[in-house]
Amino acid sequence: MASKREITGPGLSPPISHYCDATRWGDLLFVSGCAPVDGEGRLVGGADAAAQCRRVLENLGACLTAGGSSFADVLKVTVYLTDIEDRRAINPVRQAFFGAARPASTLIEVSRLAIPGMKVEIEAVAGVSGRTSGLKKPAARSASSRPSRRRRPAAAAAGRTAGTPARPGGASRKPGR
């Protein structure tokens, strides 16, 4: 039976409210919104959204590692920006950290974030593989319950599952998230 475990990211500043850096439940890791701050809680990156995003993702990486996960295991991110136009500046930073991994993503423009001057915050949900830390690997599963390692069919690679029709009018996914 799964149990809840609070995770503290090493080297991160203490949370500014009543929450933890991440929570692990079974093979899932839920990472709180990460801020662009150093270990003392000071804002990093000034008014540069890309520099702030880099620090946010470094902090997110610390939480992922502490929870037994990695950027390759991230299933979903929610990105909060105070200026939607900063999306163009942060996308190359996101790509540098995530590499070929492309998690589901939601981008939201907000009027303010918790720390004055903060331009970006990112939260994530990740799977836990056990490969990336000293955590014990989950017990081996039978072949019938093990996820397939096969390549996705062309339909899935195009953003849809096999048997699902293309979007009406040939509409494609919006780029940049």
Protein backbone atom coordinates (compact mmCIF):
# COMPACT_ATOMS: atom_id res chain seq x y z
CA MET A 1 0.00 0.00 0.00
CA ALA A 2 1.30 3.47 -0.93
CA SER A 3 2.08 5.98 1.77
CA LYS A 4 2.66 9.71 1.69
CA ARG A 5 6.21 10.96 2.20
CA GLU A 6 7.30 14.60 2.33
CA ILE A 7 10.46 15.40 0.36
CA THR A 8 12.91 18.21 1.07
CA GLY A 9 15.11 19.40 -1.79
CA PRO A 10 18.74 19.63 -0.64
CA GLY A 11 20.15 23.17 -0.61
CA LEU A 12 16.75 24.80 -1.11
CA SER A 13 15.48 27.62 1.06
CA PRO A 14 12.72 26.70 3.52
CA PRO A 15 9.17 26.98 2.13
CA ILE A 16 7.59 30.40 2.65
CA SER A 17 4.30 28.94 3.83
CA HIS A 18 2.75 25.70 5.10
CA TYR A 19 3.89 23.24 2.40
CA CYS A 20 6.79 20.93 1.56
CA ASP A 21 9.06 20.93 -1.50
CA ALA A 22 7.51 17.73 -2.83
CA THR A 23 5.31 14.82 -1.82
CA ARG A 24 5.85 11.26 -2.91
CA TRP A 25 2.91 8.86 -3.12
CA GLY A 26 3.87 5.44 -4.39
CA ASP A 27 5.50 5.86 -7.79
CA LEU A 28 4.37 9.49 -8.19
CA LEU A 29 6.17 12.65 -7.11
CA PHE A 30 4.29 15.95 -6.81
CA VAL A 31 6.68 18.93 -6.78
CA SER A 32 5.44 22.23 -5.36
CA GLY A 33 5.81 25.38 -7.42
CA CYS A 34 9.54 26.15 -7.56
CA ALA A 35 10.73 29.73 -7.26
CA PRO A 36 13.90 31.34 -8.67
CA VAL A 37 15.59 31.68 -5.29
CA ASP A 38 18.91 30.64 -3.78
CA GLY A 39 19.36 28.63 -0.58
CA GLU A 40 18.78 31.78 1.49
CA GLY A 41 15.49 32.60 -0.25
CA ARG A 42 16.92 35.52 -2.29
CA LEU A 43 15.57 36.10 -5.81
CA VAL A 44 18.00 34.98 -8.55
CA GLY A 45 18.04 36.34 -12.09
CA GLY A 46 16.79 39.88 -11.54
CA ALA A 47 14.31 40.87 -14.25
CA ASP A 48 15.64 38.24 -16.70
CA ALA A 49 12.94 35.59 -17.17
CA ALA A 50 15.39 33.11 -18.75
CA ALA A 51 17.83 33.43 -15.81
CA GLN A 52 14.95 33.03 -13.36
CA CYS A 53 13.69 29.97 -15.26
CA ARG A 54 17.17 28.41 -15.13
CA ARG A 55 17.18 28.73 -11.33
CA VAL A 56 13.60 27.45 -11.08
CA LEU A 57 14.58 24.34 -13.06
CA GLU A 58 17.73 23.84 -10.97
CA ASN A 59 15.53 23.90 -7.86
CA LEU A 60 12.99 21.60 -9.52
CA GLY A 61 15.84 19.22 -10.39
CA ALA A 62 16.93 19.13 -6.74
CA CYS A 63 13.39 18.14 -5.73
CA LEU A 64 13.15 15.52 -8.48
CA THR A 65 16.46 13.94 -7.46
CA ALA A 66 15.55 13.97 -3.76
CA GLY A 67 12.29 12.24 -4.62
CA GLY A 68 13.93 9.53 -6.76
CA SER A 69 13.00 11.03 -10.13
CA SER A 70 14.50 13.05 -12.97
CA PHE A 71 13.52 15.45 -15.75
CA ALA A 72 13.07 12.44 -18.05
CA ASP A 73 10.38 11.14 -15.66
CA VAL A 74 8.32 14.35 -15.51
CA LEU A 75 4.76 13.69 -16.64
CA LYS A 76 3.21 17.17 -16.31
CA VAL A 77 4.37 20.72 -15.62
CA THR A 78 2.41 23.85 -14.90
CA VAL A 79 4.28 27.06 -15.71
CA TYR A 80 3.20 30.39 -14.26
CA LEU A 81 4.47 33.60 -15.89
CA THR A 82 3.76 37.20 -14.97
CA ASP A 83 4.21 38.13 -18.66
CA ILE A 84 3.08 35.62 -21.27
CA GLU A 85 5.60 37.11 -23.73
CA ASP A 86 8.39 35.63 -21.57
CA ARG A 87 7.40 32.22 -22.98
CA ARG A 88 9.80 32.80 -25.87
CA ALA A 89 12.68 33.49 -23.46
CA ILE A 90 12.09 30.47 -21.21
CA ASN A 91 11.45 27.84 -23.88
CA PRO A 92 15.14 27.29 -24.76
CA VAL A 93 15.91 26.96 -21.03
CA ARG A 94 13.16 24.37 -20.61
CA GLN A 95 14.46 22.44 -23.62
CA ALA A 96 17.99 22.45 -22.20
CA PHE A 97 16.80 20.87 -18.94
CA PHE A 98 14.23 18.44 -20.37
CA GLY A 99 16.20 17.37 -23.45
CA ALA A 100 14.10 15.01 -25.55
CA ALA A 101 11.50 14.56 -22.79
CA ARG A 102 8.27 16.43 -23.50
CA PRO A 103 5.92 16.40 -20.52
CA ALA A 104 2.31 17.52 -20.70
CA SER A 105 2.33 21.25 -20.00
CA THR A 106 0.03 24.08 -19.01
CA LEU A 107 1.12 27.72 -19.26
CA ILE A 108 -0.72 30.35 -17.23
CA GLU A 109 -0.20 34.10 -17.07
CA VAL A 110 -0.76 35.50 -13.58
CA SER A 111 -0.75 39.05 -12.22
CA ARG A 112 1.82 38.30 -9.47
CA LEU A 113 3.75 35.52 -7.86
CA ALA A 114 4.61 35.01 -4.18
CA ILE A 115 8.01 36.75 -4.15
CA PRO A 116 8.34 40.37 -5.36
CA GLY A 117 10.11 40.45 -8.73
CA MET A 118 9.45 36.80 -9.44
CA LYS A 119 8.53 36.26 -13.12
CA VAL A 120 8.26 32.46 -13.36
CA GLU A 121 7.21 29.51 -11.18
CA ILE A 122 6.99 25.86 -12.23
CA GLU A 123 5.36 22.89 -10.53
CA ALA A 124 5.57 19.28 -11.71
CA VAL A 125 4.24 15.76 -11.39
CA ALA A 126 6.74 13.00 -12.10
CA GLY A 127 6.98 9.26 -12.07
CA VAL A 128 9.51 7.70 -9.74
CA SER A 129 11.82 5.20 -11.36
CA GLY A 130 14.24 4.68 -8.48
CA ARG A 131 17.18 5.03 -10.93
CA THR A 132 18.25 8.52 -9.93
CA SER A 133 18.86 8.31 -6.19
CA GLY A 134 19.64 5.97 -3.37
CA LEU A 135 15.95 5.14 -2.99
CA LYS A 136 15.01 1.50 -3.32
CA LYS A 137 13.60 0.49 -6.68
CA PRO A 138 9.96 -0.59 -6.67
CA ALA A 139 9.48 -4.35 -6.53
CA ALA A 140 9.78 -6.05 -9.91
CA ARG A 141 6.50 -6.43 -11.74
CA SER A 142 5.40 -9.34 -13.84
CA ALA A 143 5.85 -9.05 -17.61
CA SER A 144 2.10 -8.60 -18.04
CA SER A 145 2.00 -5.55 -15.75
CA ARG A 146 5.26 -3.98 -16.97
CA PRO A 147 4.81 -0.92 -19.22
CA SER A 148 5.78 -1.43 -22.82
CA ARG A 149 9.15 -0.04 -23.97
CA ARG A 150 8.08 -0.11 -27.62
CA ARG A 151 8.28 3.04 -29.71
CA ARG A 152 5.05 4.96 -30.01
CA PRO A 153 3.07 4.57 -33.22
CA ALA A 154 3.28 7.49 -35.65
CA ALA A 155 -0.16 8.69 -34.52
CA ALA A 156 1.04 8.96 -30.91
CA ALA A 157 4.23 10.70 -31.97
CA ALA A 158 2.07 13.28 -33.72
CA GLY A 159 0.36 14.04 -30.40
CA ARG A 160 -2.55 11.60 -30.57
CA THR A 161 -3.07 7.97 -29.81
CA ALA A 162 -3.61 5.30 -32.43
CA GLY A 163 -7.24 5.17 -33.51
CA THR A 164 -7.85 8.80 -32.52
CA PRO A 165 -8.74 11.02 -35.46
CA ALA A 166 -6.63 14.03 -36.30
CA ARG A 167 -7.84 17.37 -34.99
CA PRO A 168 -10.67 18.93 -37.01
CA GLY A 169 -9.49 21.04 -39.93
CA GLY A 170 -5.96 19.64 -39.63
CA ALA A 171 -5.25 21.87 -36.62
CA SER A 172 -1.95 21.09 -34.99
CA ARG A 173 -0.69 21.53 -31.46
CA LYS A 174 0.31 25.03 -30.47
CA PRO A 175 4.10 25.31 -30.45
CA GLY A 176 6.15 26.45 -27.51
CA ARG A 177 4.79 24.61 -24.53
